[in-house]
Amino acid sequence: MPLVRIDLNAGKSEAYRKSVGDVVYEAMLSTINVPVNDRFQIITEHPSAGLMIDPGYLGIARSPDCLIIQVTLSTGRTVDQKKAFYKAIADGLHARLQIRREDVFISLIEVHKEDWSFGNGEAQYVT
């Protein structure tokens, strides 16, 4: 059910972008109970002036390679699940692509089951 939007600076390879998406999907499976094959991702590249990310907010030193991951998902995850999710993504991106953990910005948007339609003009999660 999550819809993932990943925003990053232009110039990354297709393999890089796919790996970022893979890490996020794997983290969803392992930490927040997302069903297998529930993968809906939008990966968008921006020119350098297209992402305005503060390089030092909250004392975190971000580089120009900082990326933003926004996940819309149904409500119901615990704080511990969310923390595990954030860590799995930051650690996974660092291990697989050498992305600095400081450069992984994640935002969750929680919605209700009736806020989804996966096609056919129906609310599949509404019983």
Protein backbone atom coordinates (compact mmCIF):
# COMPACT_ATOMS: atom_id res chain seq x y z
CA MET A 1 0.00 0.00 0.00
CA PRO A 2 2.83 2.52 0.34
CA LEU A 3 3.43 5.03 -2.41
CA VAL A 4 7.10 6.01 -2.41
CA ARG A 5 8.50 9.18 -3.92
CA ILE A 6 12.27 9.47 -4.15
CA ASP A 7 13.80 12.79 -5.16
CA LEU A 8 17.49 13.10 -5.96
CA ASN A 9 19.92 15.22 -7.93
CA ALA A 10 20.14 14.59 -11.66
CA GLY A 11 22.98 12.62 -13.16
CA LYS A 12 22.65 9.30 -11.36
CA SER A 13 22.63 6.13 -13.43
CA GLU A 14 19.60 3.93 -13.99
CA ALA A 15 21.30 1.23 -11.89
CA TYR A 16 21.81 3.71 -9.04
CA ARG A 17 18.16 4.80 -9.11
CA LYS A 18 16.98 1.18 -9.22
CA SER A 19 19.21 0.29 -6.27
CA VAL A 20 17.79 3.16 -4.22
CA GLY A 21 14.28 1.88 -4.97
CA ASP A 22 15.30 -1.69 -4.14
CA VAL A 23 16.70 -0.66 -0.74
CA VAL A 24 13.52 1.22 0.16
CA TYR A 25 11.32 -1.70 -0.93
CA GLU A 26 13.43 -4.23 1.00
CA ALA A 27 13.22 -2.03 4.11
CA MET A 28 9.42 -1.87 3.78
CA LEU A 29 9.23 -5.67 3.60
CA SER A 30 11.51 -6.25 6.57
CA THR A 31 10.35 -3.54 8.98
CA ILE A 32 6.85 -2.22 8.34
CA ASN A 33 4.95 -5.31 7.17
CA VAL A 34 4.36 -4.36 3.55
CA PRO A 35 3.09 -7.27 1.42
CA VAL A 36 5.30 -8.76 -1.28
CA ASN A 37 4.77 -7.12 -4.71
CA ASP A 38 3.31 -3.98 -3.11
CA ARG A 39 5.84 -1.76 -4.84
CA PHE A 40 4.76 1.62 -6.19
CA GLN A 41 7.65 4.07 -6.55
CA ILE A 42 8.21 7.36 -8.34
CA ILE A 43 11.87 8.27 -8.68
CA THR A 44 12.50 11.82 -9.87
CA GLU A 45 15.76 13.53 -10.71
CA HIS A 46 16.12 17.27 -10.26
CA PRO A 47 18.68 19.83 -11.46
CA SER A 48 20.94 21.04 -8.66
CA ALA A 49 18.75 24.11 -8.08
CA GLY A 50 15.65 21.90 -7.96
CA LEU A 51 16.28 20.49 -4.49
CA MET A 52 16.69 23.02 -1.71
CA ILE A 53 17.88 21.00 1.26
CA ASP A 54 19.36 22.78 4.25
CA PRO A 55 22.95 21.54 4.64
CA GLY A 56 22.97 21.75 8.44
CA TYR A 57 19.47 21.62 9.90
CA LEU A 58 19.38 19.88 13.32
CA GLY A 59 23.18 19.64 13.27
CA ILE A 60 23.22 17.07 10.45
CA ALA A 61 25.86 17.87 7.80
CA ARG A 62 24.20 17.12 4.45
CA SER A 63 26.04 17.04 1.13
CA PRO A 64 24.71 17.93 -2.33
CA ASP A 65 23.99 14.20 -2.77
CA CYS A 66 21.23 14.28 -0.13
CA LEU A 67 18.08 12.55 -1.30
CA ILE A 68 14.50 12.77 -0.09
CA ILE A 69 12.30 9.71 0.41
CA GLN A 70 8.62 10.38 1.05
CA VAL A 71 6.38 7.42 1.83
CA THR A 72 2.59 7.62 1.91
CA LEU A 73 1.21 4.62 3.81
CA SER A 74 -1.76 3.50 5.83
CA THR A 75 -1.76 4.31 9.54
CA GLY A 76 -0.90 1.66 12.09
CA ARG A 77 2.89 1.39 12.40
CA THR A 78 4.49 1.77 15.80
CA VAL A 79 7.23 4.27 16.56
CA ASP A 80 9.69 1.37 16.86
CA GLN A 81 8.71 0.07 13.41
CA LYS A 82 9.20 3.53 11.92
CA LYS A 83 12.61 3.90 13.57
CA ALA A 84 13.65 0.47 12.27
CA PHE A 85 12.44 1.49 8.80
CA TYR A 86 14.50 4.69 8.81
CA LYS A 87 17.58 2.82 9.98
CA ALA A 88 17.15 0.02 7.44
CA ILE A 89 16.99 2.53 4.60
CA ALA A 90 19.96 4.63 5.76
CA ASP A 91 22.09 1.55 6.47
CA GLY A 92 21.03 -0.17 3.24
CA LEU A 93 21.80 2.84 1.06
CA HIS A 94 25.15 3.27 2.78
CA ALA A 95 26.07 -0.40 2.32
CA ARG A 96 24.88 -0.73 -1.26
CA LEU A 97 25.64 2.70 -2.76
CA GLN A 98 27.97 4.37 -0.22
CA ILE A 99 25.35 7.07 0.37
CA ARG A 100 26.17 8.89 3.58
CA ARG A 101 23.56 8.24 6.28
CA GLU A 102 23.42 12.00 6.82
CA ASP A 103 22.19 12.34 3.22
CA VAL A 104 19.05 10.23 3.67
CA PHE A 105 15.99 12.35 4.47
CA ILE A 106 12.78 10.36 5.05
CA SER A 107 9.23 11.58 5.57
CA LEU A 108 6.14 9.45 6.25
CA ILE A 109 2.61 10.53 5.40
CA GLU A 110 -0.02 8.36 7.07
CA VAL A 111 -3.49 8.00 5.55
CA HIS A 112 -6.57 5.86 6.20
CA LYS A 113 -7.48 2.68 4.32
CA GLU A 114 -10.29 4.46 2.48
CA ASP A 115 -7.77 6.93 1.02
CA TRP A 116 -6.50 4.36 -1.52
CA SER A 117 -7.74 3.28 -4.93
CA PHE A 118 -5.50 0.86 -6.81
CA GLY A 119 -7.59 0.95 -9.98
CA ASN A 120 -11.09 0.47 -11.39
CA GLY A 121 -12.33 3.51 -9.43
CA GLU A 122 -12.74 1.36 -6.33
CA ALA A 123 -11.55 1.63 -2.73
CA GLN A 124 -10.09 -1.88 -2.47
CA TYR A 125 -9.24 -1.64 1.22
CA VAL A 126 -12.75 -0.62 2.27
CA THR A 127 -14.81 -3.60 3.39
